Amino acid sequence: MKKNKTLRTDYYELTMAQTYFKQGKEDSVAYFDLFFRKNPFEGGYTLSGGLDETIEYIKNLHFDDDQIEYLRTKGFDEDFLEYLRNFKFTGDIYAVPDGTAVFPNEAVLTVKANAIEAQIIETSLLTNFNHGGLVMTKAKRITDAADGRGVFEFGARRGRGSDSAVEAAKLAYMGGAAGTSNTDAAMEYGIPVVGTMAHSLVTLYDDEYDAFLDYAKANPNNCVFLVDTYNVLKSGIPNAIRVANEYLKPNGYKFKGIRIDSGDLAYLSKEARKMLDAAGYTDTTICLSNGLNEFTIKDLLEQGAEVDTFGVGDNLTAPNDRLGGVYKLVAVEDEGEVKPRIKVSEDGIKTINPGYKKVYRFYDKDTGYALGDVIALSDEIIPEDKYTLVHPVETWKKTELSNYDVRELQVPIFKDGELVYDVPTLEETREYAEEEFQSLYPEVTRLNKPHGYYVDLSDKLRELKEELIKLRRTGEDKGKVLVKK
C-alpha cells in the first residue's frame, strides 16, 4: 500500500488554509503560476520534469484519519479538520508536458482552484518540478555532450535519499540516459539496467586475475571488468584479456567490456583500445567513469578518448545546482471577474507577470527551429501570419516574425478535479524530450555562453504589468478589476 503523501506540504500551507476557511474564503477561486527565474547550470534552456509525479499526487490527494489526528494534536480547529475529511482536488491544472523546453518566467504549470486546494498542493508541485526539471536538464546536457555515446546513470548512492535516487534514475532516462544501475528504478519503470563490478571485489582476492575469472564464471553474459584497481595497462587489461582468452572465448561467451574509473581517462582509453584490438577484441567496449559531467565528457572527446559509454553518478543524480521554481498567486476570481495580482519587488527579477496567462511558441516553418516565445493574457489571440516580439523591459528591442507555426505550450491536465490528460509512457516522454531539444538552435543549447532565447510579453500583458506596478506603488490598486473572465 502506497503512503498517503498529502502532508508532504509545508506547515504554513495548512495554517494559511485554515485562515481562508475561518474567514469564509474556502470557495474563493485563485490562479497560481509555477515558474522559475533562471536556467540552471548557466545554460540556455531547461527541460520540464516532474509532472508525472504531480499527477499521482493530485489523483490521491486526501487526508486520512491518522493525518487528521496528527493535525488535531497541533491545535487545528475541529471545523477545519472536518472540512479536511472530505478534501479533494476539484480545480483545474494546465501544464507543459514533461520534456518540454522551457525558459525563465514562463508558466510551466498553472492552477485554477479554490484558495485552500491551490495552497495545500504548492509544496509538492514545487518539489516535483524543481527536482524533475533539474535532473532532466542535466541528463540532456550530458547526453548531448556524449555525442551519441551511451550515458548510464550510476548515481544511486549519491542520491538525496532512496526515493529521490529512484526518481532521478527515471528522470535521467527520460532526459536521454541509456540505462541505470539502480535496480529498483529499472524494475519499477522498465529502464535498462546495467552494472559492472566494484574495486572491493578485486581487492577481496589476493590476485586480480582470480577475481576476474571468478566474476566471469559467475556472470558469463555480463563480463565488464573494472580494470583500474591496481594498474590499468600493466595488470588490469592484460588480466581481463587473459580471462577472455582462457575462459570466455573457449566457452562461447563474449568479452563485453572494460570500465576505467581513475587516472588519465583519455590516455588510458586510447591505450586500452590498442591492447584490446591487438588481442582481437575489437568489439569489446570501453566505459569511462569517475566524477564525469558534460564538460569533462566534452573535453575527453576533444582529446580523442576511445570510449563507447560513460557512467555518470552524482553529477547526474544529484547535480550541484538548483532550479529555483516558485509558485505565485497571479489572479483571483470575484463574481465572474478575474482580478490580476502582482508581487512587486525592489529586485526587478522578482516582480511577477500578473494575470491568467498562456505561453505560445513560434516555430520556423522551413527549419522547425523555435524562434521565440510570447507570454500573453488568456483571452488574447495570436495571429498566424506575422508577429513582433518585444523585449519585456528594453522595449526598443524587437524581432519581426513571419512564416511561422505557433503552438500553445500548456495543455489541460485536470478539469474540475478529473484527470483529462493521457499520461505518456517513459519512452514517449524520452522521445518527446529529444524532439524538444532538437527544436532549439545549437546556439541556445551549447554549453559555453549560450545565446539567450527570446521570451517576451504581449503588449497587453506588458501594459497590464506596468499599470499594476504603478497602482501598487501608489496604493491605488485595491479592488480594481482589470480583466474580465
Protein backbone atom coordinates (compact mmCIF):
# COMPACT_ATOMS: atom_id res chain seq x y z
CA MET A 1 0.00 0.00 0.00
CA LYS A 2 1.43 3.35 -1.05
CA LYS A 3 1.95 6.05 1.54
CA ASN A 4 -0.54 8.92 1.54
CA LYS A 5 1.62 11.90 0.52
CA THR A 6 -0.94 14.66 1.14
CA LEU A 7 1.02 16.01 4.13
CA ARG A 8 4.11 16.48 2.00
CA THR A 9 3.34 20.16 2.26
CA ASP A 10 4.86 22.95 4.28
CA TYR A 11 3.13 23.59 7.60
CA TYR A 12 2.30 27.16 6.69
CA GLU A 13 0.21 25.95 3.76
CA LEU A 14 -2.11 24.39 6.34
CA THR A 15 -2.19 27.40 8.66
CA MET A 16 -2.98 29.63 5.67
CA ALA A 17 -5.65 27.16 4.55
CA GLN A 18 -7.26 27.32 7.98
CA THR A 19 -7.21 31.12 7.75
CA TYR A 20 -9.08 31.01 4.43
CA PHE A 21 -11.56 28.57 5.92
CA LYS A 22 -12.19 30.60 9.08
CA GLN A 23 -12.73 33.75 7.02
CA GLY A 24 -15.14 32.08 4.61
CA LYS A 25 -12.74 32.21 1.67
CA GLU A 26 -12.64 28.47 1.01
CA ASP A 27 -14.59 28.92 -2.22
CA SER A 28 -12.53 31.87 -3.46
CA VAL A 29 -11.02 30.94 -6.81
CA ALA A 30 -7.29 31.61 -7.13
CA TYR A 31 -4.90 31.36 -10.06
CA PHE A 32 -1.30 30.34 -9.37
CA ASP A 33 1.63 30.07 -11.80
CA LEU A 34 4.61 27.79 -11.26
CA PHE A 35 7.70 29.18 -12.98
CA PHE A 36 11.42 29.72 -12.50
CA ARG A 37 13.66 32.73 -12.93
CA LYS A 38 16.96 31.37 -14.22
CA ASN A 39 18.12 28.36 -16.22
CA PRO A 40 20.28 26.00 -14.15
CA PHE A 41 23.95 25.25 -14.87
CA GLU A 42 24.36 28.68 -16.53
CA GLY A 43 22.68 27.08 -19.51
CA GLY A 44 20.41 28.36 -22.24
CA TYR A 45 17.40 26.11 -21.66
CA THR A 46 15.56 23.89 -19.19
CA LEU A 47 13.62 20.69 -19.78
CA SER A 48 10.49 20.48 -17.67
CA GLY A 49 10.07 17.42 -15.46
CA GLY A 50 8.09 16.07 -12.53
CA LEU A 51 4.59 16.37 -13.99
CA ASP A 52 4.03 12.62 -13.75
CA GLU A 53 4.69 12.74 -10.01
CA THR A 54 2.39 15.73 -9.63
CA ILE A 55 -0.39 13.85 -11.41
CA GLU A 56 -0.08 10.92 -9.00
CA TYR A 57 -0.04 13.31 -6.05
CA ILE A 58 -3.21 15.13 -7.17
CA LYS A 59 -5.04 11.89 -8.00
CA ASN A 60 -4.50 10.58 -4.48
CA LEU A 61 -4.95 13.85 -2.60
CA HIS A 62 -6.94 13.27 0.61
CA PHE A 63 -6.49 13.37 4.36
CA ASP A 64 -6.74 10.04 6.16
CA ASP A 65 -7.66 9.51 9.81
CA ASP A 66 -4.07 9.38 11.05
CA GLN A 67 -3.26 12.67 9.36
CA ILE A 68 -6.38 14.33 10.76
CA GLU A 69 -5.46 13.12 14.23
CA TYR A 70 -1.92 14.45 13.84
CA LEU A 71 -3.23 17.87 12.84
CA ARG A 72 -5.58 17.79 15.83
CA THR A 73 -2.55 17.46 18.11
CA LYS A 74 -1.17 20.62 16.51
CA GLY A 75 -4.18 22.66 17.53
CA PHE A 76 -6.13 22.94 14.30
CA ASP A 77 -9.82 23.74 14.79
CA GLU A 78 -12.35 20.91 14.66
CA ASP A 79 -14.47 22.57 11.98
CA PHE A 80 -11.43 22.90 9.74
CA LEU A 81 -10.43 19.29 10.40
CA GLU A 82 -13.95 18.20 9.45
CA TYR A 83 -13.56 20.14 6.21
CA LEU A 84 -10.30 18.29 5.52
CA ARG A 85 -12.03 14.90 5.97
CA ASN A 86 -13.85 15.47 2.68
CA PHE A 87 -10.98 17.28 0.99
CA LYS A 88 -10.02 16.51 -2.59
CA PHE A 89 -8.79 18.48 -5.55
CA THR A 90 -11.67 19.89 -7.62
CA GLY A 91 -9.88 22.53 -9.67
CA ASP A 92 -8.07 22.83 -12.99
CA ILE A 93 -4.40 22.34 -13.78
CA TYR A 94 -2.70 23.24 -17.04
CA ALA A 95 0.94 22.34 -17.62
CA VAL A 96 3.61 21.77 -20.22
CA PRO A 97 4.31 18.05 -20.75
CA ASP A 98 7.44 16.57 -19.20
CA GLY A 99 10.39 17.10 -21.52
CA THR A 100 9.20 20.45 -22.87
CA ALA A 101 11.91 23.06 -23.37
CA VAL A 102 11.00 25.94 -21.07
CA PHE A 103 12.56 29.25 -20.14
CA PRO A 104 12.61 31.72 -17.25
CA ASN A 105 9.36 33.43 -16.21
CA GLU A 106 7.15 31.18 -18.33
CA ALA A 107 4.30 29.44 -16.52
CA VAL A 108 5.30 25.79 -16.59
CA LEU A 109 2.15 24.90 -14.67
CA THR A 110 -0.98 26.91 -13.85
CA VAL A 111 -3.51 26.06 -11.13
CA LYS A 112 -7.07 27.39 -11.06
CA ALA A 113 -8.74 26.16 -7.89
CA ASN A 114 -10.25 27.28 -4.63
CA ALA A 115 -7.73 29.01 -2.41
CA ILE A 116 -7.36 26.11 0.04
CA GLU A 117 -6.75 23.48 -2.64
CA ALA A 118 -4.35 25.71 -4.55
CA GLN A 119 -2.42 26.48 -1.38
CA ILE A 120 -2.08 22.97 0.04
CA ILE A 121 -0.63 21.50 -3.17
CA GLU A 122 2.06 24.16 -3.58
CA THR A 123 4.93 22.39 -1.84
CA SER A 124 4.63 19.08 -3.69
CA LEU A 125 4.22 20.78 -7.05
CA LEU A 126 7.44 22.69 -6.47
CA THR A 127 9.26 19.63 -5.14
CA ASN A 128 8.35 17.63 -8.22
CA PHE A 129 9.22 20.35 -10.71
CA ASN A 130 12.43 21.54 -9.07
CA HIS A 131 13.83 18.02 -8.88
CA GLY A 132 12.35 16.82 -12.16
CA GLY A 133 13.43 19.78 -14.25
CA LEU A 134 16.91 19.84 -12.76
CA VAL A 135 17.71 16.17 -13.41
CA MET A 136 16.10 16.06 -16.86
CA THR A 137 18.01 19.17 -17.92
CA LYS A 138 21.29 17.79 -16.61
CA ALA A 139 20.66 14.48 -18.34
CA LYS A 140 20.09 16.20 -21.67
CA ARG A 141 23.20 18.35 -21.28
CA ILE A 142 25.32 15.28 -20.50
CA THR A 143 23.87 13.02 -23.18
CA ASP A 144 24.26 15.77 -25.77
CA ALA A 145 27.91 16.22 -24.78
CA ALA A 146 28.41 12.45 -25.16
CA ASP A 147 27.74 12.87 -28.89
CA GLY A 148 25.84 9.65 -29.46
CA ARG A 149 27.65 7.50 -26.92
CA GLY A 150 25.56 5.85 -24.24
CA VAL A 151 25.36 7.50 -20.83
CA PHE A 152 24.45 5.33 -17.86
CA GLU A 153 23.11 6.74 -14.61
CA PHE A 154 25.34 5.42 -11.81
CA GLY A 155 24.34 7.78 -9.01
CA ALA A 156 22.02 5.87 -6.66
CA ARG A 157 24.47 6.02 -3.77
CA ARG A 158 24.84 9.78 -4.30
CA GLY A 159 21.12 10.50 -4.40
CA ARG A 160 19.42 12.69 -1.83
CA GLY A 161 17.56 9.80 -0.27
CA SER A 162 16.50 6.47 -1.74
CA ASP A 163 13.17 7.74 -3.12
CA SER A 164 14.95 10.65 -4.77
CA ALA A 165 17.53 8.31 -6.29
CA VAL A 166 14.84 6.13 -7.88
CA GLU A 167 13.06 9.19 -9.23
CA ALA A 168 16.36 10.58 -10.56
CA ALA A 169 17.05 7.37 -12.47
CA LYS A 170 13.67 7.67 -14.18
CA LEU A 171 14.20 11.36 -14.95
CA ALA A 172 17.69 10.72 -16.30
CA TYR A 173 16.30 8.08 -18.63
CA MET A 174 13.57 10.42 -19.87
CA GLY A 175 16.28 13.02 -20.38
CA GLY A 176 18.30 10.73 -22.62
CA ALA A 177 20.35 8.37 -20.43
CA ALA A 178 20.66 4.86 -21.86
CA GLY A 179 20.11 3.00 -18.60
CA THR A 180 20.66 2.92 -14.85
CA SER A 181 22.49 0.92 -12.22
CA ASN A 182 19.52 1.40 -9.84
CA THR A 183 17.80 -1.98 -9.83
CA ASP A 184 14.66 -0.73 -8.10
CA ALA A 185 14.17 2.01 -10.68
CA ALA A 186 14.84 -0.43 -13.51
CA MET A 187 12.21 -2.83 -12.21
CA GLU A 188 9.59 -0.18 -11.42
CA TYR A 189 9.89 1.79 -14.65
CA GLY A 190 11.23 -0.74 -17.15
CA ILE A 191 14.52 1.09 -17.62
CA PRO A 192 17.51 -0.86 -18.98
CA VAL A 193 19.70 -1.90 -16.05
CA VAL A 194 23.49 -2.10 -16.22
CA GLY A 195 26.35 -2.90 -13.84
CA THR A 196 29.96 -3.97 -13.76
CA MET A 197 31.84 -4.56 -10.52
CA ALA A 198 33.40 -2.55 -7.69
CA HIS A 199 37.02 -2.36 -6.63
CA SER A 200 36.09 -4.28 -3.49
CA LEU A 201 35.56 -7.48 -5.47
CA VAL A 202 39.07 -7.22 -6.86
CA THR A 203 40.73 -6.36 -3.54
CA LEU A 204 38.89 -9.18 -1.76
CA TYR A 205 41.09 -11.57 -3.77
CA ASP A 206 44.84 -11.94 -3.48
CA ASP A 207 45.16 -11.89 -7.24
CA GLU A 208 43.37 -9.67 -9.77
CA TYR A 209 43.25 -12.44 -12.35
CA ASP A 210 41.44 -14.78 -9.93
CA ALA A 211 38.90 -12.04 -9.18
CA PHE A 212 38.19 -11.53 -12.88
CA LEU A 213 37.99 -15.28 -13.53
CA ASP A 214 35.53 -15.93 -10.74
CA TYR A 215 33.43 -12.96 -11.82
CA ALA A 216 33.39 -14.31 -15.38
CA LYS A 217 32.30 -17.74 -14.23
CA ALA A 218 29.51 -16.26 -12.11
CA ASN A 219 28.41 -13.68 -14.72
CA PRO A 220 29.48 -15.03 -18.11
CA ASN A 221 26.96 -12.92 -20.03
CA ASN A 222 27.87 -9.67 -18.28
CA CYS A 223 31.63 -9.51 -18.33
CA VAL A 224 32.58 -5.87 -17.98
CA PHE A 225 35.76 -5.78 -15.92
CA LEU A 226 36.83 -2.82 -13.77
CA VAL A 227 40.49 -2.62 -14.72
CA ASP A 228 41.93 0.26 -12.68
CA THR A 229 42.19 -1.25 -9.19
CA TYR A 230 45.98 -1.58 -9.43
CA ASN A 231 47.34 -0.62 -12.85
CA VAL A 232 45.19 -0.33 -15.95
CA LEU A 233 47.82 -1.06 -18.59
CA LYS A 234 50.18 -3.38 -16.71
CA SER A 235 47.70 -5.67 -14.98
CA GLY A 236 44.04 -4.70 -15.40
CA ILE A 237 43.64 -5.02 -19.15
CA PRO A 238 46.14 -7.92 -19.51
CA ASN A 239 44.26 -9.90 -16.86
CA ALA A 240 40.91 -9.13 -18.48
CA ILE A 241 42.23 -10.30 -21.85
CA ARG A 242 43.68 -13.43 -20.28
CA VAL A 243 40.30 -14.34 -18.74
CA ALA A 244 38.65 -13.70 -22.08
CA ASN A 245 41.16 -15.95 -23.86
CA GLU A 246 41.16 -18.73 -21.29
CA TYR A 247 37.53 -18.84 -20.21
CA LEU A 248 35.06 -16.62 -22.06
CA LYS A 249 36.04 -17.30 -25.64
CA PRO A 250 36.54 -21.09 -25.28
CA ASN A 251 33.09 -21.37 -23.66
CA GLY A 252 31.29 -19.28 -26.27
CA TYR A 253 30.86 -16.15 -24.18
CA LYS A 254 31.52 -12.57 -25.24
CA PHE A 255 34.11 -10.31 -23.69
CA LYS A 256 31.64 -7.49 -23.25
CA GLY A 257 33.74 -4.61 -22.00
CA ILE A 258 36.01 -2.86 -19.54
CA ARG A 259 35.48 0.15 -17.27
CA ILE A 260 38.16 2.67 -16.27
CA ASP A 261 37.33 4.72 -13.18
CA SER A 262 40.51 6.68 -12.43
CA GLY A 263 43.63 8.18 -13.92
CA ASP A 264 44.10 9.99 -17.21
CA LEU A 265 40.95 8.68 -18.85
CA ALA A 266 41.74 9.98 -22.34
CA TYR A 267 45.22 8.47 -22.44
CA LEU A 268 44.26 5.21 -20.76
CA SER A 269 41.27 4.68 -23.04
CA LYS A 270 43.39 5.11 -26.16
CA GLU A 271 46.00 2.68 -24.91
CA ALA A 272 43.29 0.26 -23.81
CA ARG A 273 41.74 0.33 -27.27
CA LYS A 274 45.07 -0.56 -28.85
CA MET A 275 45.56 -3.50 -26.47
CA LEU A 276 42.04 -4.84 -26.94
CA ASP A 277 42.23 -4.54 -30.72
CA ALA A 278 45.63 -6.22 -30.83
CA ALA A 279 44.17 -9.13 -28.87
CA GLY A 280 41.33 -9.46 -31.37
CA TYR A 281 38.62 -7.92 -29.17
CA THR A 282 37.69 -5.07 -31.48
CA ASP A 283 34.04 -5.10 -30.36
CA THR A 284 34.81 -5.05 -26.62
CA THR A 285 33.53 -1.73 -25.32
CA ILE A 286 35.21 0.83 -23.09
CA CYS A 287 33.24 2.60 -20.37
CA LEU A 288 34.68 5.64 -18.62
CA SER A 289 33.53 6.92 -15.23
CA ASN A 290 34.87 8.97 -12.28
CA GLY A 291 33.04 12.20 -11.47
CA LEU A 292 32.11 12.98 -15.05
CA ASN A 293 29.85 15.81 -16.18
CA GLU A 294 29.03 17.42 -19.52
CA PHE A 295 32.23 19.49 -19.55
CA THR A 296 34.62 16.64 -18.73
CA ILE A 297 32.87 14.40 -21.25
CA LYS A 298 33.20 17.05 -23.96
CA ASP A 299 36.85 17.51 -23.03
CA LEU A 300 37.55 13.77 -23.19
CA LEU A 301 36.07 13.52 -26.65
CA GLU A 302 38.04 16.54 -27.84
CA GLN A 303 41.18 14.75 -26.60
CA GLY A 304 40.29 11.76 -28.76
CA ALA A 305 39.34 9.40 -25.95
CA GLU A 306 38.37 5.93 -27.12
CA VAL A 307 35.06 5.46 -25.35
CA ASP A 308 31.79 3.72 -26.07
CA THR A 309 29.82 4.60 -22.94
CA PHE A 310 30.02 6.85 -19.92
CA GLY A 311 28.99 6.11 -16.35
CA VAL A 312 27.82 9.27 -14.60
CA GLY A 313 26.97 9.36 -10.90
CA ASP A 314 26.34 12.29 -8.58
CA ASN A 315 26.62 14.93 -11.30
CA LEU A 316 23.52 13.40 -12.88
CA THR A 317 21.56 12.02 -9.93
CA ALA A 318 22.22 14.90 -7.52
CA PRO A 319 23.60 17.81 -9.57
CA ASN A 320 25.16 20.65 -7.65
CA ASP A 321 22.70 23.35 -8.63
CA ARG A 322 19.03 24.15 -8.16
CA LEU A 323 16.24 25.17 -10.46
CA GLY A 324 14.55 27.58 -8.09
CA GLY A 325 10.96 27.14 -9.25
CA VAL A 326 8.42 29.33 -7.47
CA TYR A 327 4.62 29.30 -7.16
CA LYS A 328 2.92 32.68 -7.15
CA LEU A 329 -0.64 33.96 -6.98
CA VAL A 330 -1.34 35.79 -10.24
CA ALA A 331 -5.12 36.36 -10.12
CA VAL A 332 -8.28 35.85 -8.10
CA GLU A 333 -11.85 35.44 -9.28
CA ASP A 334 -14.67 37.54 -7.85
CA GLU A 335 -18.25 37.24 -9.15
CA GLY A 336 -17.12 36.29 -12.63
CA GLU A 337 -14.37 38.86 -12.78
CA VAL A 338 -10.67 37.99 -12.86
CA LYS A 339 -8.59 40.38 -10.80
CA PRO A 340 -4.87 40.19 -11.62
CA ARG A 341 -2.47 40.13 -8.71
CA ILE A 342 1.16 41.18 -8.74
CA LYS A 343 4.12 40.82 -6.40
CA VAL A 344 6.33 43.90 -6.70
CA SER A 345 9.92 43.72 -5.53
CA GLU A 346 12.87 46.10 -5.39
CA ASP A 347 14.66 43.21 -7.12
CA GLY A 348 13.21 43.52 -10.62
CA ILE A 349 13.60 39.82 -11.40
CA LYS A 350 11.17 39.03 -8.56
CA THR A 351 8.37 41.22 -9.89
CA ILE A 352 5.99 38.65 -11.35
CA ASN A 353 3.93 38.70 -14.53
CA PRO A 354 0.32 39.15 -13.37
CA GLY A 355 -2.95 37.69 -14.60
CA TYR A 356 -4.26 34.47 -16.08
CA LYS A 357 -1.90 33.81 -18.97
CA LYS A 358 -0.87 31.47 -21.74
CA VAL A 359 2.52 30.82 -23.33
CA TYR A 360 2.94 30.46 -27.09
CA ARG A 361 5.96 29.28 -29.07
CA PHE A 362 6.78 30.27 -32.64
CA TYR A 363 8.49 27.79 -34.98
CA ASP A 364 10.16 28.50 -38.30
CA LYS A 365 8.10 26.68 -40.95
CA ASP A 366 11.19 25.89 -43.02
CA THR A 367 13.64 24.67 -40.37
CA GLY A 368 11.38 23.67 -37.47
CA TYR A 369 13.55 25.61 -35.04
CA ALA A 370 11.89 27.52 -32.21
CA LEU A 371 12.07 31.26 -32.87
CA GLY A 372 10.87 32.56 -29.52
CA ASP A 373 8.02 32.59 -27.02
CA VAL A 374 5.42 35.13 -26.01
CA ILE A 375 3.57 35.23 -22.70
CA ALA A 376 0.08 36.60 -23.28
CA LEU A 377 -3.14 37.06 -21.35
CA SER A 378 -5.55 34.16 -21.66
CA ASP A 379 -8.05 35.97 -23.89
CA GLU A 380 -5.52 37.09 -26.48
CA ILE A 381 -5.48 35.61 -29.97
CA ILE A 382 -2.05 35.16 -31.55
CA PRO A 383 -2.04 35.93 -35.30
CA GLU A 384 -0.82 33.22 -37.63
CA ASP A 385 0.81 35.40 -40.29
CA LYS A 386 3.13 37.87 -38.55
CA TYR A 387 4.05 38.86 -35.02
CA THR A 388 6.51 41.21 -33.35
CA LEU A 389 8.34 40.00 -30.29
CA VAL A 390 9.15 42.91 -27.98
CA HIS A 391 11.66 42.67 -25.13
CA PRO A 392 9.75 42.77 -21.83
CA VAL A 393 11.96 45.54 -20.39
CA GLU A 394 14.04 47.03 -23.20
CA THR A 395 11.04 47.63 -25.45
CA TRP A 396 13.11 49.09 -28.29
CA LYS A 397 14.44 45.57 -28.93
CA LYS A 398 12.03 44.00 -31.40
CA THR A 399 12.04 40.84 -33.52
CA GLU A 400 9.72 40.60 -36.50
CA LEU A 401 8.39 37.09 -37.16
CA SER A 402 6.68 35.64 -40.22
CA ASN A 403 6.42 32.25 -41.94
CA TYR A 404 5.91 30.50 -38.64
CA ASP A 405 3.76 27.95 -36.89
CA VAL A 406 2.55 28.80 -33.40
CA ARG A 407 1.84 26.41 -30.53
CA GLU A 408 0.34 26.88 -27.08
CA LEU A 409 2.70 25.17 -24.63
CA GLN A 410 0.40 24.26 -21.74
CA VAL A 411 -2.18 21.51 -22.09
CA PRO A 412 -5.10 20.60 -19.78
CA ILE A 413 -4.11 18.11 -17.07
CA PHE A 414 -7.05 18.25 -14.61
CA LYS A 415 -10.50 19.75 -15.22
CA ASP A 416 -12.85 20.07 -12.27
CA GLY A 417 -10.59 17.69 -10.38
CA GLU A 418 -10.70 14.96 -13.03
CA LEU A 419 -7.61 13.83 -14.92
CA VAL A 420 -8.11 14.65 -18.62
CA TYR A 421 -4.51 14.14 -19.72
CA ASP A 422 -3.31 10.98 -21.42
CA VAL A 423 -0.11 10.39 -19.41
CA PRO A 424 2.66 9.35 -21.80
CA THR A 425 4.95 6.38 -21.27
CA LEU A 426 8.58 6.88 -20.31
CA GLU A 427 9.60 6.04 -23.87
CA GLU A 428 7.17 8.60 -25.29
CA THR A 429 8.47 11.28 -22.91
CA ARG A 430 12.05 10.35 -23.76
CA GLU A 431 11.35 10.75 -27.48
CA TYR A 432 9.44 13.98 -26.92
CA ALA A 433 12.27 15.46 -24.83
CA GLU A 434 14.72 14.72 -27.64
CA GLU A 435 12.40 16.34 -30.19
CA GLU A 436 12.10 19.40 -27.96
CA PHE A 437 15.87 19.61 -27.61
CA GLN A 438 16.37 19.30 -31.34
CA SER A 439 13.90 22.16 -31.93
CA LEU A 440 16.30 24.58 -30.21
CA TYR A 441 19.03 26.32 -32.14
CA PRO A 442 22.52 24.94 -31.32
CA GLU A 443 23.46 28.42 -30.14
CA VAL A 444 20.87 28.04 -27.38
CA THR A 445 21.95 24.54 -26.31
CA ARG A 446 25.71 24.99 -26.39
CA LEU A 447 27.48 24.55 -23.05
CA ASN A 448 29.52 27.74 -23.01
CA LYS A 449 27.88 31.15 -23.11
CA PRO A 450 24.65 30.04 -24.80
CA HIS A 451 22.61 32.51 -26.80
CA GLY A 452 19.65 33.96 -24.94
CA TYR A 453 16.27 32.64 -26.09
CA TYR A 454 13.53 35.19 -26.74
CA VAL A 455 10.76 35.15 -24.12
CA ASP A 456 8.70 38.30 -24.45
CA LEU A 457 5.44 39.71 -23.13
CA SER A 458 2.49 40.63 -25.30
CA ASP A 459 1.72 44.34 -25.48
CA LYS A 460 -1.46 43.80 -23.49
CA LEU A 461 0.31 41.90 -20.70
CA ARG A 462 3.19 44.36 -20.56
CA GLU A 463 0.76 47.29 -20.26
CA LEU A 464 -1.18 45.49 -17.53
CA LYS A 465 2.02 44.78 -15.62
CA GLU A 466 3.17 48.38 -15.85
CA GLU A 467 -0.24 49.65 -14.73
CA LEU A 468 -0.35 47.28 -11.75
CA ILE A 469 3.16 48.24 -10.68
CA LYS A 470 2.20 51.89 -10.81
CA LEU A 471 -1.04 51.33 -8.90
CA ARG A 472 0.64 49.16 -6.31
CA ARG A 473 3.33 51.74 -5.64
CA THR A 474 0.72 54.47 -5.25
CA GLY A 475 -1.60 52.27 -3.19
CA GLU A 476 -4.50 52.73 -5.63
CA ASP A 477 -4.98 49.16 -6.80
CA LYS A 478 -7.28 47.78 -4.11
CA GLY A 479 -10.33 46.13 -5.61
CA LYS A 480 -9.55 47.28 -9.13
CA VAL A 481 -10.95 44.88 -11.73
CA LEU A 482 -8.74 44.90 -14.81
CA VAL A 483 -9.66 41.77 -16.76
CA LYS A 484 -12.96 40.07 -17.47
CA LYS A 485 -13.18 36.31 -17.01
